[in-house]
């Protein structure tokens, strides 16, 4: 019988028998692997979900999109315009005014730590007359023609030119600060030594009064800065631009900043008073 005349059923049985013989000679390990893979594949097919791993097409960050372009290491672009809520919580202006008041207070107190008005800055601010009536007189500040160097309870006034020694000496003696300038030593002809007299009870009281006034001025400046910030919060409240809860928190933040400012003023002034009283 020719091959073309074999029934299809016989061919199918022959193929199945060859497949069975091939499986029969496979190793147990191979059979276990095939079954395991087949089982997992079948389970995944029925219960899992396929996720697409193709990257999403992104628009190129050209000139129009450069402002909105982002990467994995940079945050998304945000609107920089502050909202009324942001302005309510912003106390940077209040803090700047408090810092300015404290700096001014520190500067004024530093002029009292050497026993009242006998501070190098005060001496440098004295007015000195140069020239003669025939040549023409000129009034300048002492700091423009000389330098004041404190050394203990002595001020060394160093002038730049020899003909400035006499007018500088005269200006110091006539200053009204109870100063007695000494004549320059031959070894230092441009240096005028000015002994600082010890503070008296009157000078201590004057220095303490000046410290108290400086403290009151600093507290007043802080109070005025608080009033400006509170007025801004009040406007937000009337305009209903900020939620009441946020306004309450912003007000508490304002009061905390003001309280710290007053406490810093008190700390600085108390320290300055202790130094003045111990002189």
C-alpha atoms as a PDB file:
ATOM      1  CA  UNK A   1       0.000   0.000   0.000  1.00  0.00           C
ATOM      2  CA  UNK A   2       1.373   3.396  -0.885  1.00  0.00           C
ATOM      3  CA  UNK A   3       2.017   6.187   1.693  1.00  0.00           C
ATOM      4  CA  UNK A   4      -0.684   8.348   0.225  1.00  0.00           C
ATOM      5  CA  UNK A   5      -3.281   5.668   0.919  1.00  0.00           C
ATOM      6  CA  UNK A   6      -2.579   5.408   4.727  1.00  0.00           C
ATOM      7  CA  UNK A   7      -5.520   6.746   6.643  1.00  0.00           C
ATOM      8  CA  UNK A   8      -5.047   9.991   8.585  1.00  0.00           C
ATOM      9  CA  UNK A   9      -6.022   8.284  11.832  1.00  0.00           C
ATOM     10  CA  UNK A  10      -3.137   5.881  11.483  1.00  0.00           C
ATOM     11  CA  UNK A  11      -0.696   8.722  10.881  1.00  0.00           C
ATOM     12  CA  UNK A  12      -2.005  10.536  13.943  1.00  0.00           C
ATOM     13  CA  UNK A  13      -1.582   7.423  16.099  1.00  0.00           C
ATOM     14  CA  UNK A  14       1.937   6.969  14.821  1.00  0.00           C
ATOM     15  CA  UNK A  15       2.881  10.543  15.721  1.00  0.00           C
ATOM     16  CA  UNK A  16       1.400  10.193  19.214  1.00  0.00           C
ATOM     17  CA  UNK A  17       3.324   7.003  19.854  1.00  0.00           C
ATOM     18  CA  UNK A  18       6.621   8.721  18.887  1.00  0.00           C
ATOM     19  CA  UNK A  19       5.814  11.652  21.216  1.00  0.00           C
ATOM     20  CA  UNK A  20       5.096   9.269  24.084  1.00  0.00           C
ATOM     21  CA  UNK A  21       8.353   7.412  23.525  1.00  0.00           C
ATOM     22  CA  UNK A  22      10.273  10.704  23.523  1.00  0.00           C
ATOM     23  CA  UNK A  23       8.696  11.784  26.811  1.00  0.00           C
ATOM     24  CA  UNK A  24       9.345   8.386  28.316  1.00  0.00           C
ATOM     25  CA  UNK A  25      13.106   8.705  27.861  1.00  0.00           C
ATOM     26  CA  UNK A  26      13.337  12.287  29.243  1.00  0.00           C
ATOM     27  CA  UNK A  27      14.963  12.750  32.639  1.00  0.00           C
ATOM     28  CA  UNK A  28      12.766  13.385  35.699  1.00  0.00           C
ATOM     29  CA  UNK A  29      14.384  16.792  36.149  1.00  0.00           C
ATOM     30  CA  UNK A  30      13.436  17.838  32.654  1.00  0.00           C
ATOM     31  CA  UNK A  31       9.899  16.672  33.180  1.00  0.00           C
ATOM     32  CA  UNK A  32       9.614  18.599  36.482  1.00  0.00           C
ATOM     33  CA  UNK A  33      10.952  21.738  34.887  1.00  0.00           C
ATOM     34  CA  UNK A  34       8.573  21.584  31.997  1.00  0.00           C
ATOM     35  CA  UNK A  35       5.623  20.951  34.257  1.00  0.00           C
ATOM     36  CA  UNK A  36       6.588  23.774  36.605  1.00  0.00           C
ATOM     37  CA  UNK A  37       6.998  26.261  33.793  1.00  0.00           C
ATOM     38  CA  UNK A  38       3.769  25.170  32.252  1.00  0.00           C
ATOM     39  CA  UNK A  39       1.957  25.475  35.553  1.00  0.00           C
ATOM     40  CA  UNK A  40       3.294  28.938  36.291  1.00  0.00           C
ATOM     41  CA  UNK A  41       2.558  30.100  32.801  1.00  0.00           C
ATOM     42  CA  UNK A  42      -0.969  28.824  32.995  1.00  0.00           C
ATOM     43  CA  UNK A  43      -1.522  30.402  36.412  1.00  0.00           C
ATOM     44  CA  UNK A  44      -0.161  33.725  35.283  1.00  0.00           C
ATOM     45  CA  UNK A  45      -2.334  33.700  32.230  1.00  0.00           C
ATOM     46  CA  UNK A  46      -5.511  33.188  34.226  1.00  0.00           C
ATOM     47  CA  UNK A  47      -4.878  35.412  37.296  1.00  0.00           C
ATOM     48  CA  UNK A  48      -2.217  38.005  36.352  1.00  0.00           C
ATOM     49  CA  UNK A  49      -2.335  41.192  34.349  1.00  0.00           C
ATOM     50  CA  UNK A  50       0.072  42.179  31.636  1.00  0.00           C
ATOM     51  CA  UNK A  51       1.789  45.594  32.094  1.00  0.00           C
ATOM     52  CA  UNK A  52       3.062  47.473  29.093  1.00  0.00           C
ATOM     53  CA  UNK A  53       6.743  48.384  29.383  1.00  0.00           C
ATOM     54  CA  UNK A  54       6.803  50.667  26.365  1.00  0.00           C
ATOM     55  CA  UNK A  55       7.825  54.194  27.483  1.00  0.00           C
ATOM     56  CA  UNK A  56       5.272  56.928  27.108  1.00  0.00           C
ATOM     57  CA  UNK A  57       6.016  59.325  24.285  1.00  0.00           C
ATOM     58  CA  UNK A  58       7.027  62.703  25.765  1.00  0.00           C
ATOM     59  CA  UNK A  59       6.991  66.053  24.049  1.00  0.00           C
ATOM     60  CA  UNK A  60      10.419  67.546  23.439  1.00  0.00           C
ATOM     61  CA  UNK A  61      11.277  70.410  25.800  1.00  0.00           C
ATOM     62  CA  UNK A  62      11.655  73.167  23.281  1.00  0.00           C
ATOM     63  CA  UNK A  63      11.468  76.921  23.821  1.00  0.00           C
ATOM     64  CA  UNK A  64       7.740  76.805  24.514  1.00  0.00           C
ATOM     65  CA  UNK A  65       8.003  73.928  26.988  1.00  0.00           C
ATOM     66  CA  UNK A  66      11.343  74.732  28.623  1.00  0.00           C
ATOM     67  CA  UNK A  67       9.662  76.412  31.590  1.00  0.00           C
ATOM     68  CA  UNK A  68       7.587  73.284  32.258  1.00  0.00           C
ATOM     69  CA  UNK A  69      10.316  70.759  31.526  1.00  0.00           C
ATOM     70  CA  UNK A  70      11.303  68.528  34.435  1.00  0.00           C
ATOM     71  CA  UNK A  71      13.622  65.665  35.150  1.00  0.00           C
ATOM     72  CA  UNK A  72      13.768  63.006  37.835  1.00  0.00           C
ATOM     73  CA  UNK A  73      16.055  65.198  39.963  1.00  0.00           C
ATOM     74  CA  UNK A  74      14.178  68.498  39.678  1.00  0.00           C
ATOM     75  CA  UNK A  75      10.751  69.409  41.105  1.00  0.00           C
ATOM     76  CA  UNK A  76       7.988  70.549  38.800  1.00  0.00           C
ATOM     77  CA  UNK A  77       7.828  74.225  37.961  1.00  0.00           C
ATOM     78  CA  UNK A  78       5.532  76.101  40.343  1.00  0.00           C
ATOM     79  CA  UNK A  79       3.935  79.504  40.310  1.00  0.00           C
ATOM     80  CA  UNK A  80       6.166  81.934  42.249  1.00  0.00           C
ATOM     81  CA  UNK A  81       3.380  84.440  42.943  1.00  0.00           C
ATOM     82  CA  UNK A  82       2.646  84.333  46.695  1.00  0.00           C
ATOM     83  CA  UNK A  83      -0.924  83.812  47.788  1.00  0.00           C
ATOM     84  CA  UNK A  84      -2.590  85.837  50.558  1.00  0.00           C
ATOM     85  CA  UNK A  85      -2.083  82.851  52.857  1.00  0.00           C
ATOM     86  CA  UNK A  86       1.643  82.853  52.069  1.00  0.00           C
ATOM     87  CA  UNK A  87       1.838  86.573  52.817  1.00  0.00           C
ATOM     88  CA  UNK A  88       0.005  86.067  56.108  1.00  0.00           C
ATOM     89  CA  UNK A  89       2.605  83.541  57.255  1.00  0.00           C
ATOM     90  CA  UNK A  90       5.529  85.605  55.923  1.00  0.00           C
ATOM     91  CA  UNK A  91       7.144  87.423  58.880  1.00  0.00           C
ATOM     92  CA  UNK A  92      10.414  88.279  57.129  1.00  0.00           C
ATOM     93  CA  UNK A  93       9.566  91.995  57.034  1.00  0.00           C
ATOM     94  CA  UNK A  94       8.749  91.995  60.742  1.00  0.00           C
ATOM     95  CA  UNK A  95      11.966  90.163  61.560  1.00  0.00           C
ATOM     96  CA  UNK A  96      13.988  92.621  59.452  1.00  0.00           C
ATOM     97  CA  UNK A  97      12.589  95.599  61.388  1.00  0.00           C
ATOM     98  CA  UNK A  98      13.319  93.907  64.721  1.00  0.00           C
ATOM     99  CA  UNK A  99      16.864  93.118  63.629  1.00  0.00           C
ATOM    100  CA  UNK A 100      17.389  96.729  62.581  1.00  0.00           C
ATOM    101  CA  UNK A 101      16.180  97.946  65.976  1.00  0.00           C
ATOM    102  CA  UNK A 102      18.529  95.566  67.797  1.00  0.00           C
ATOM    103  CA  UNK A 103      21.495  96.631  65.676  1.00  0.00           C
ATOM    104  CA  UNK A 104      20.810 100.287  66.421  1.00  0.00           C
ATOM    105  CA  UNK A 105      20.454  99.502  70.116  1.00  0.00           C
ATOM    106  CA  UNK A 106      23.764  97.623  70.168  1.00  0.00           C
ATOM    107  CA  UNK A 107      25.521 100.515  68.454  1.00  0.00           C
ATOM    108  CA  UNK A 108      24.165 103.076  70.923  1.00  0.00           C
ATOM    109  CA  UNK A 109      25.057 100.960  73.933  1.00  0.00           C
ATOM    110  CA  UNK A 110      28.579 100.389  72.642  1.00  0.00           C
ATOM    111  CA  UNK A 111      29.190 104.122  72.975  1.00  0.00           C
ATOM    112  CA  UNK A 112      28.422 103.895  76.682  1.00  0.00           C
ATOM    113  CA  UNK A 113      30.573 100.943  77.648  1.00  0.00           C
ATOM    114  CA  UNK A 114      33.711 103.032  78.037  1.00  0.00           C
ATOM    115  CA  UNK A 115      32.178 105.263  80.673  1.00  0.00           C
ATOM    116  CA  UNK A 116      29.598 107.430  78.992  1.00  0.00           C
ATOM    117  CA  UNK A 117      30.616 109.589  76.052  1.00  0.00           C
ATOM    118  CA  UNK A 118      34.319 108.691  76.096  1.00  0.00           C
ATOM    119  CA  UNK A 119      34.061 106.341  73.159  1.00  0.00           C
ATOM    120  CA  UNK A 120      36.437 106.344  70.159  1.00  0.00           C
ATOM    121  CA  UNK A 121      33.492 107.055  67.857  1.00  0.00           C
ATOM    122  CA  UNK A 122      32.650 110.172  69.860  1.00  0.00           C
ATOM    123  CA  UNK A 123      36.215 111.453  69.653  1.00  0.00           C
ATOM    124  CA  UNK A 124      36.412 110.705  65.938  1.00  0.00           C
ATOM    125  CA  UNK A 125      33.275 112.788  65.436  1.00  0.00           C
ATOM    126  CA  UNK A 126      34.806 115.955  66.888  1.00  0.00           C
ATOM    127  CA  UNK A 127      35.041 118.957  64.581  1.00  0.00           C
ATOM    128  CA  UNK A 128      38.536 120.271  63.817  1.00  0.00           C
ATOM    129  CA  UNK A 129      39.276 123.659  62.286  1.00  0.00           C
ATOM    130  CA  UNK A 130      42.154 123.779  59.815  1.00  0.00           C
ATOM    131  CA  UNK A 131      43.866 126.752  58.232  1.00  0.00           C
ATOM    132  CA  UNK A 132      44.088 130.388  59.306  1.00  0.00           C
ATOM    133  CA  UNK A 133      41.985 133.476  58.888  1.00  0.00           C
ATOM    134  CA  UNK A 134      44.286 134.747  56.159  1.00  0.00           C
ATOM    135  CA  UNK A 135      44.476 131.482  54.217  1.00  0.00           C
ATOM    136  CA  UNK A 136      40.904 130.451  54.904  1.00  0.00           C
ATOM    137  CA  UNK A 137      39.517 128.133  57.551  1.00  0.00           C
ATOM    138  CA  UNK A 138      38.083 124.705  56.924  1.00  0.00           C
ATOM    139  CA  UNK A 139      36.105 122.521  59.348  1.00  0.00           C
ATOM    140  CA  UNK A 140      36.496 118.758  59.068  1.00  0.00           C
ATOM    141  CA  UNK A 141      35.722 115.711  61.202  1.00  0.00           C
ATOM    142  CA  UNK A 142      38.596 114.357  63.247  1.00  0.00           C
ATOM    143  CA  UNK A 143      38.195 110.935  61.590  1.00  0.00           C
ATOM    144  CA  UNK A 144      39.027 112.542  58.221  1.00  0.00           C
ATOM    145  CA  UNK A 145      42.535 113.539  59.275  1.00  0.00           C
ATOM    146  CA  UNK A 146      43.325 111.188  62.182  1.00  0.00           C
ATOM    147  CA  UNK A 147      42.697 107.714  63.565  1.00  0.00           C
ATOM    148  CA  UNK A 148      41.685 106.925  67.149  1.00  0.00           C
ATOM    149  CA  UNK A 149      43.112 103.707  68.619  1.00  0.00           C
ATOM    150  CA  UNK A 150      41.882 102.700  72.101  1.00  0.00           C
ATOM    151  CA  UNK A 151      44.398 101.073  74.445  1.00  0.00           C
ATOM    152  CA  UNK A 152      43.026 100.350  77.882  1.00  0.00           C
ATOM    153  CA  UNK A 153      41.996 103.634  79.442  1.00  0.00           C
ATOM    154  CA  UNK A 154      44.034 105.557  76.888  1.00  0.00           C
ATOM    155  CA  UNK A 155      43.141 106.841  73.438  1.00  0.00           C
ATOM    156  CA  UNK A 156      45.952 107.239  70.924  1.00  0.00           C
ATOM    157  CA  UNK A 157      45.026 109.792  68.270  1.00  0.00           C
ATOM    158  CA  UNK A 158      47.299 109.319  65.247  1.00  0.00           C
ATOM    159  CA  UNK A 159      47.262 112.199  62.768  1.00  0.00           C
ATOM    160  CA  UNK A 160      48.375 111.972  59.183  1.00  0.00           C
ATOM    161  CA  UNK A 161      50.424 115.190  58.925  1.00  0.00           C
ATOM    162  CA  UNK A 162      52.538 117.189  61.359  1.00  0.00           C
ATOM    163  CA  UNK A 163      50.635 120.485  60.936  1.00  0.00           C
ATOM    164  CA  UNK A 164      47.429 118.705  62.026  1.00  0.00           C
ATOM    165  CA  UNK A 165      48.737 117.977  65.535  1.00  0.00           C
ATOM    166  CA  UNK A 166      47.946 121.380  67.004  1.00  0.00           C
ATOM    167  CA  UNK A 167      44.372 121.798  65.660  1.00  0.00           C
ATOM    168  CA  UNK A 168      43.499 118.218  66.656  1.00  0.00           C
ATOM    169  CA  UNK A 169      44.864 118.757  70.153  1.00  0.00           C
ATOM    170  CA  UNK A 170      42.853 121.958  70.500  1.00  0.00           C
ATOM    171  CA  UNK A 171      39.655 120.257  69.326  1.00  0.00           C
ATOM    172  CA  UNK A 172      40.045 117.437  71.874  1.00  0.00           C
ATOM    173  CA  UNK A 173      40.748 119.817  74.747  1.00  0.00           C
ATOM    174  CA  UNK A 174      37.743 121.988  73.873  1.00  0.00           C
ATOM    175  CA  UNK A 175      35.364 119.093  73.382  1.00  0.00           C
ATOM    176  CA  UNK A 176      33.775 119.376  76.819  1.00  0.00           C
ATOM    177  CA  UNK A 177      34.375 115.677  77.645  1.00  0.00           C
ATOM    178  CA  UNK A 178      36.896 116.481  80.393  1.00  0.00           C
ATOM    179  CA  UNK A 179      39.779 115.239  78.211  1.00  0.00           C
ATOM    180  CA  UNK A 180      43.357 116.384  78.607  1.00  0.00           C
ATOM    181  CA  UNK A 181      45.419 115.478  75.506  1.00  0.00           C
ATOM    182  CA  UNK A 182      49.157 114.919  76.030  1.00  0.00           C
ATOM    183  CA  UNK A 183      51.857 116.372  73.812  1.00  0.00           C
ATOM    184  CA  UNK A 184      53.308 113.877  71.293  1.00  0.00           C
ATOM    185  CA  UNK A 185      56.418 112.001  72.371  1.00  0.00           C
ATOM    186  CA  UNK A 186      59.557 112.678  70.299  1.00  0.00           C
ATOM    187  CA  UNK A 187      59.596 109.015  69.290  1.00  0.00           C
ATOM    188  CA  UNK A 188      56.014 109.307  67.979  1.00  0.00           C
ATOM    189  CA  UNK A 189      55.564 112.907  66.813  1.00  0.00           C
ATOM    190  CA  UNK A 190      52.219 112.155  65.111  1.00  0.00           C
ATOM    191  CA  UNK A 191      50.573 110.366  68.062  1.00  0.00           C
ATOM    192  CA  UNK A 192      48.518 112.297  70.632  1.00  0.00           C
ATOM    193  CA  UNK A 193      47.822 110.352  73.850  1.00  0.00           C
ATOM    194  CA  UNK A 194      44.481 111.088  75.546  1.00  0.00           C
ATOM    195  CA  UNK A 195      43.955 109.534  79.027  1.00  0.00           C
ATOM    196  CA  UNK A 196      40.356 108.549  79.774  1.00  0.00           C
ATOM    197  CA  UNK A 197      39.270 109.790  83.201  1.00  0.00           C
ATOM    198  CA  UNK A 198      37.631 107.210  85.474  1.00  0.00           C
ATOM    199  CA  UNK A 199      33.846 107.318  85.480  1.00  0.00           C
ATOM    200  CA  UNK A 200      32.155 109.129  88.298  1.00  0.00           C
ATOM    201  CA  UNK A 201      28.792 108.527  89.884  1.00  0.00           C
ATOM    202  CA  UNK A 202      27.273 111.193  87.693  1.00  0.00           C
ATOM    203  CA  UNK A 203      28.691 109.713  84.505  1.00  0.00           C
ATOM    204  CA  UNK A 204      27.426 106.236  85.489  1.00  0.00           C
ATOM    205  CA  UNK A 205      23.920 107.560  86.062  1.00  0.00           C
ATOM    206  CA  UNK A 206      24.000 109.396  82.755  1.00  0.00           C
ATOM    207  CA  UNK A 207      25.145 106.238  80.971  1.00  0.00           C
ATOM    208  CA  UNK A 208      22.429 104.139  82.628  1.00  0.00           C
ATOM    209  CA  UNK A 209      19.773 106.687  81.678  1.00  0.00           C
ATOM    210  CA  UNK A 210      21.023 106.655  78.094  1.00  0.00           C
ATOM    211  CA  UNK A 211      20.860 102.851  78.058  1.00  0.00           C
ATOM    212  CA  UNK A 212      17.276 102.929  79.337  1.00  0.00           C
ATOM    213  CA  UNK A 213      16.252 105.419  76.650  1.00  0.00           C
ATOM    214  CA  UNK A 214      17.887 103.287  73.961  1.00  0.00           C
ATOM    215  CA  UNK A 215      15.965 100.275  75.261  1.00  0.00           C
ATOM    216  CA  UNK A 216      12.660 102.155  75.110  1.00  0.00           C
ATOM    217  CA  UNK A 217      13.394 103.251  71.548  1.00  0.00           C
ATOM    218  CA  UNK A 218      14.116  99.680  70.464  1.00  0.00           C
ATOM    219  CA  UNK A 219      10.895  98.400  72.081  1.00  0.00           C
ATOM    220  CA  UNK A 220       8.945 101.182  70.385  1.00  0.00           C
ATOM    221  CA  UNK A 221      10.386 100.257  66.999  1.00  0.00           C
ATOM    222  CA  UNK A 222       9.415  96.609  67.503  1.00  0.00           C
ATOM    223  CA  UNK A 223       5.905  97.677  68.550  1.00  0.00           C
ATOM    224  CA  UNK A 224       5.514  99.769  65.400  1.00  0.00           C
ATOM    225  CA  UNK A 225       6.694  96.880  63.218  1.00  0.00           C
ATOM    226  CA  UNK A 226       4.136  94.599  64.870  1.00  0.00           C
ATOM    227  CA  UNK A 227       1.383  97.150  64.177  1.00  0.00           C
ATOM    228  CA  UNK A 228       2.239  97.163  60.463  1.00  0.00           C
ATOM    229  CA  UNK A 229       2.129  93.360  60.232  1.00  0.00           C
ATOM    230  CA  UNK A 230      -1.100  93.170  62.248  1.00  0.00           C
ATOM    231  CA  UNK A 231      -2.704  95.695  59.911  1.00  0.00           C
ATOM    232  CA  UNK A 232      -1.895  93.407  56.982  1.00  0.00           C
ATOM    233  CA  UNK A 233      -3.507  90.437  58.730  1.00  0.00           C
ATOM    234  CA  UNK A 234      -6.554  92.540  59.526  1.00  0.00           C
ATOM    235  CA  UNK A 235      -6.973  93.428  55.860  1.00  0.00           C
ATOM    236  CA  UNK A 236      -6.850  89.742  54.898  1.00  0.00           C
ATOM    237  CA  UNK A 237      -9.552  89.099  57.475  1.00  0.00           C
ATOM    238  CA  UNK A 238     -11.859  91.836  56.167  1.00  0.00           C
ATOM    239  CA  UNK A 239     -11.350  90.751  52.565  1.00  0.00           C
ATOM    240  CA  UNK A 240     -11.873  87.088  53.547  1.00  0.00           C
ATOM    241  CA  UNK A 241      -8.762  86.264  51.544  1.00  0.00           C
ATOM    242  CA  UNK A 242      -7.357  83.897  54.173  1.00  0.00           C
ATOM    243  CA  UNK A 243      -9.084  81.176  56.153  1.00  0.00           C
ATOM    244  CA  UNK A 244      -9.769  82.010  59.828  1.00  0.00           C
ATOM    245  CA  UNK A 245      -7.659  79.086  60.999  1.00  0.00           C
ATOM    246  CA  UNK A 246      -4.677  80.300  58.969  1.00  0.00           C
ATOM    247  CA  UNK A 247      -5.156  83.842  60.258  1.00  0.00           C
ATOM    248  CA  UNK A 248      -5.108  82.574  63.823  1.00  0.00           C
ATOM    249  CA  UNK A 249      -1.887  80.633  63.240  1.00  0.00           C
ATOM    250  CA  UNK A 250      -0.303  83.597  61.450  1.00  0.00           C
ATOM    251  CA  UNK A 251      -1.208  85.869  64.361  1.00  0.00           C
ATOM    252  CA  UNK A 252       0.366  83.478  66.843  1.00  0.00           C
ATOM    253  CA  UNK A 253       3.514  83.353  64.710  1.00  0.00           C
ATOM    254  CA  UNK A 254       3.640  87.160  64.707  1.00  0.00           C
ATOM    255  CA  UNK A 255       3.304  87.334  68.489  1.00  0.00           C
ATOM    256  CA  UNK A 256       6.081  84.765  68.956  1.00  0.00           C
ATOM    257  CA  UNK A 257       8.459  86.788  66.775  1.00  0.00           C
ATOM    258  CA  UNK A 258       7.635  90.018  68.637  1.00  0.00           C
ATOM    259  CA  UNK A 259       8.059  88.326  72.018  1.00  0.00           C
ATOM    260  CA  UNK A 260      11.502  87.053  71.045  1.00  0.00           C
ATOM    261  CA  UNK A 261      12.473  90.541  69.848  1.00  0.00           C
ATOM    262  CA  UNK A 262      11.534  92.183  73.160  1.00  0.00           C
ATOM    263  CA  UNK A 263      13.344  89.436  75.072  1.00  0.00           C
ATOM    264  CA  UNK A 264      16.520  90.032  73.037  1.00  0.00           C
ATOM    265  CA  UNK A 265      16.345  93.780  73.706  1.00  0.00           C
ATOM    266  CA  UNK A 266      16.016  93.151  77.436  1.00  0.00           C
ATOM    267  CA  UNK A 267      18.938  90.710  77.421  1.00  0.00           C
ATOM    268  CA  UNK A 268      21.234  93.169  75.634  1.00  0.00           C
ATOM    269  CA  UNK A 269      20.312  96.134  77.816  1.00  0.00           C
ATOM    270  CA  UNK A 270      20.667  94.178  81.058  1.00  0.00           C
ATOM    271  CA  UNK A 271      24.150  93.079  80.004  1.00  0.00           C
ATOM    272  CA  UNK A 272      25.141  96.647  79.132  1.00  0.00           C
ATOM    273  CA  UNK A 273      23.864  97.946  82.480  1.00  0.00           C
ATOM    274  CA  UNK A 274      25.906  95.384  84.385  1.00  0.00           C
ATOM    275  CA  UNK A 275      29.040  96.519  82.523  1.00  0.00           C
ATOM    276  CA  UNK A 276      28.328 100.199  83.182  1.00  0.00           C
ATOM    277  CA  UNK A 277      27.666  99.635  86.870  1.00  0.00           C
ATOM    278  CA  UNK A 278      30.912  97.688  87.302  1.00  0.00           C
ATOM    279  CA  UNK A 279      33.133 100.450  85.892  1.00  0.00           C
END
